[in-house]
C-alpha atoms as a PDB file:
ATOM      1  CA  MET A   1     -73.639  46.681  14.346  1.00  0.00           C
ATOM      2  CA  ILE A   2     -76.163  44.373  16.002  1.00  0.00           C
ATOM      3  CA  GLY A   3     -75.507  42.915  19.433  1.00  0.00           C
ATOM      4  CA  GLU A   4     -76.430  39.298  18.635  1.00  0.00           C
ATOM      5  CA  ILE A   5     -75.958  36.913  15.677  1.00  0.00           C
ATOM      6  CA  ASP A   6     -78.501  34.248  15.040  1.00  0.00           C
ATOM      7  CA  ILE A   7     -76.967  30.863  14.001  1.00  0.00           C
ATOM      8  CA  TYR A   8     -79.728  28.282  13.552  1.00  0.00           C
ATOM      9  CA  GLY A   9     -81.757  29.617  16.387  1.00  0.00           C
ATOM     10  CA  VAL A  10     -78.727  30.072  18.812  1.00  0.00           C
ATOM     11  CA  TYR A  11     -78.031  33.662  19.634  1.00  0.00           C
ATOM     12  CA  LEU A  12     -74.390  34.457  20.007  1.00  0.00           C
ATOM     13  CA  PRO A  13     -72.871  37.763  21.068  1.00  0.00           C
ATOM     14  CA  ALA A  14     -71.293  39.547  18.101  1.00  0.00           C
ATOM     15  CA  VAL A  15     -68.097  39.965  20.062  1.00  0.00           C
ATOM     16  CA  LEU A  16     -67.721  36.236  20.563  1.00  0.00           C
ATOM     17  CA  VAL A  17     -67.951  35.728  16.789  1.00  0.00           C
ATOM     18  CA  LEU A  18     -65.477  38.477  16.210  1.00  0.00           C
ATOM     19  CA  MET A  19     -63.101  36.980  18.816  1.00  0.00           C
ATOM     20  CA  LEU A  20     -63.314  33.572  17.076  1.00  0.00           C
ATOM     21  CA  VAL A  21     -62.485  35.105  13.709  1.00  0.00           C
ATOM     22  CA  SER A  22     -59.551  36.979  15.156  1.00  0.00           C
ATOM     23  CA  TYR A  23     -58.293  33.844  16.877  1.00  0.00           C
ATOM     24  CA  LEU A  24     -58.191  31.996  13.459  1.00  0.00           C
ATOM     25  CA  PHE A  25     -56.344  34.909  11.931  1.00  0.00           C
ATOM     26  CA  CYS A  26     -54.030  34.986  14.919  1.00  0.00           C
ATOM     27  CA  LEU A  27     -53.208  31.295  14.432  1.00  0.00           C
ATOM     28  CA  ILE A  28     -52.190  31.987  10.799  1.00  0.00           C
ATOM     29  CA  VAL A  29     -50.146  34.990  11.833  1.00  0.00           C
ATOM     30  CA  THR A  30     -48.236  33.080  14.605  1.00  0.00           C
ATOM     31  CA  ARG A  31     -47.509  30.140  12.236  1.00  0.00           C
ATOM     32  CA  VAL A  32     -46.112  32.648   9.697  1.00  0.00           C
ATOM     33  CA  PHE A  33     -43.917  34.178  12.405  1.00  0.00           C
ATOM     34  CA  ALA A  34     -42.720  30.767  13.536  1.00  0.00           C
ATOM     35  CA  ARG A  35     -41.878  29.685   9.976  1.00  0.00           C
ATOM     36  CA  VAL A  36     -39.930  32.901   9.278  1.00  0.00           C
ATOM     37  CA  GLY A  37     -38.103  32.598  12.531  1.00  0.00           C
ATOM     38  CA  LEU A  38     -39.286  35.853  14.181  1.00  0.00           C
ATOM     39  CA  TYR A  39     -39.646  34.225  17.520  1.00  0.00           C
ATOM     40  CA  ARG A  40     -35.857  34.011  17.872  1.00  0.00           C
ATOM     41  CA  PHE A  41     -35.924  37.734  18.591  1.00  0.00           C
ATOM     42  CA  ILE A  42     -38.895  37.817  20.996  1.00  0.00           C
ATOM     43  CA  TRP A  43     -38.129  37.735  24.743  1.00  0.00           C
ATOM     44  CA  HIS A  44     -41.497  36.400  26.014  1.00  0.00           C
ATOM     45  CA  ARG A  45     -43.524  34.578  23.382  1.00  0.00           C
ATOM     46  CA  SER A  46     -46.730  34.357  25.344  1.00  0.00           C
ATOM     47  CA  ILE A  47     -46.964  38.124  25.866  1.00  0.00           C
ATOM     48  CA  PHE A  48     -46.086  38.753  22.262  1.00  0.00           C
ATOM     49  CA  ASP A  49     -48.818  36.329  21.121  1.00  0.00           C
ATOM     50  CA  LEU A  50     -51.344  38.046  23.324  1.00  0.00           C
ATOM     51  CA  ALA A  51     -50.280  41.434  21.942  1.00  0.00           C
ATOM     52  CA  ILE A  52     -50.762  40.142  18.390  1.00  0.00           C
ATOM     53  CA  TYR A  53     -54.132  38.718  19.245  1.00  0.00           C
ATOM     54  CA  VAL A  54     -55.316  42.080  20.634  1.00  0.00           C
ATOM     55  CA  ILE A  55     -54.035  43.854  17.607  1.00  0.00           C
ATOM     56  CA  VAL A  56     -55.731  41.356  15.274  1.00  0.00           C
ATOM     57  CA  LEU A  57     -59.012  41.617  17.284  1.00  0.00           C
ATOM     58  CA  GLY A  58     -58.927  45.390  16.977  1.00  0.00           C
ATOM     59  CA  VAL A  59     -58.449  45.193  13.261  1.00  0.00           C
ATOM     60  CA  VAL A  60     -61.309  42.685  12.916  1.00  0.00           C
ATOM     61  CA  VAL A  61     -63.626  44.880  14.946  1.00  0.00           C
ATOM     62  CA  ILE A  62     -62.765  47.995  12.948  1.00  0.00           C
ATOM     63  CA  VAL A  63     -63.185  46.169   9.634  1.00  0.00           C
ATOM     64  CA  SER A  64     -66.553  44.631  10.689  1.00  0.00           C
ATOM     65  CA  HIS A  65     -67.841  47.987  11.887  1.00  0.00           C
ATOM     66  CA  ARG A  66     -66.902  49.547   8.574  1.00  0.00           C
ATOM     67  CA  LEU A  67     -68.530  46.697   6.542  1.00  0.00           C
ATOM     68  CA  LEU A  68     -71.752  46.254   8.533  1.00  0.00           C
ATOM     69  CA  PRO A  69     -74.043  49.171   8.876  1.00  0.00           C
END
């Protein structure tokens, strides 16, 4: 995987792009959890959301590593 991504002449770190993608996925996941009512059983929502973000970021990094040579 390359270290930088070129978007119209602006070089962005690949990790930043992966973090933005995982943030968007995390927004979707948290809204689904809120809709289902899962947060009733969670003691500390902020820590749980952070853990979900880290898990989603790890999955996005692994998938991107497998897809990009």
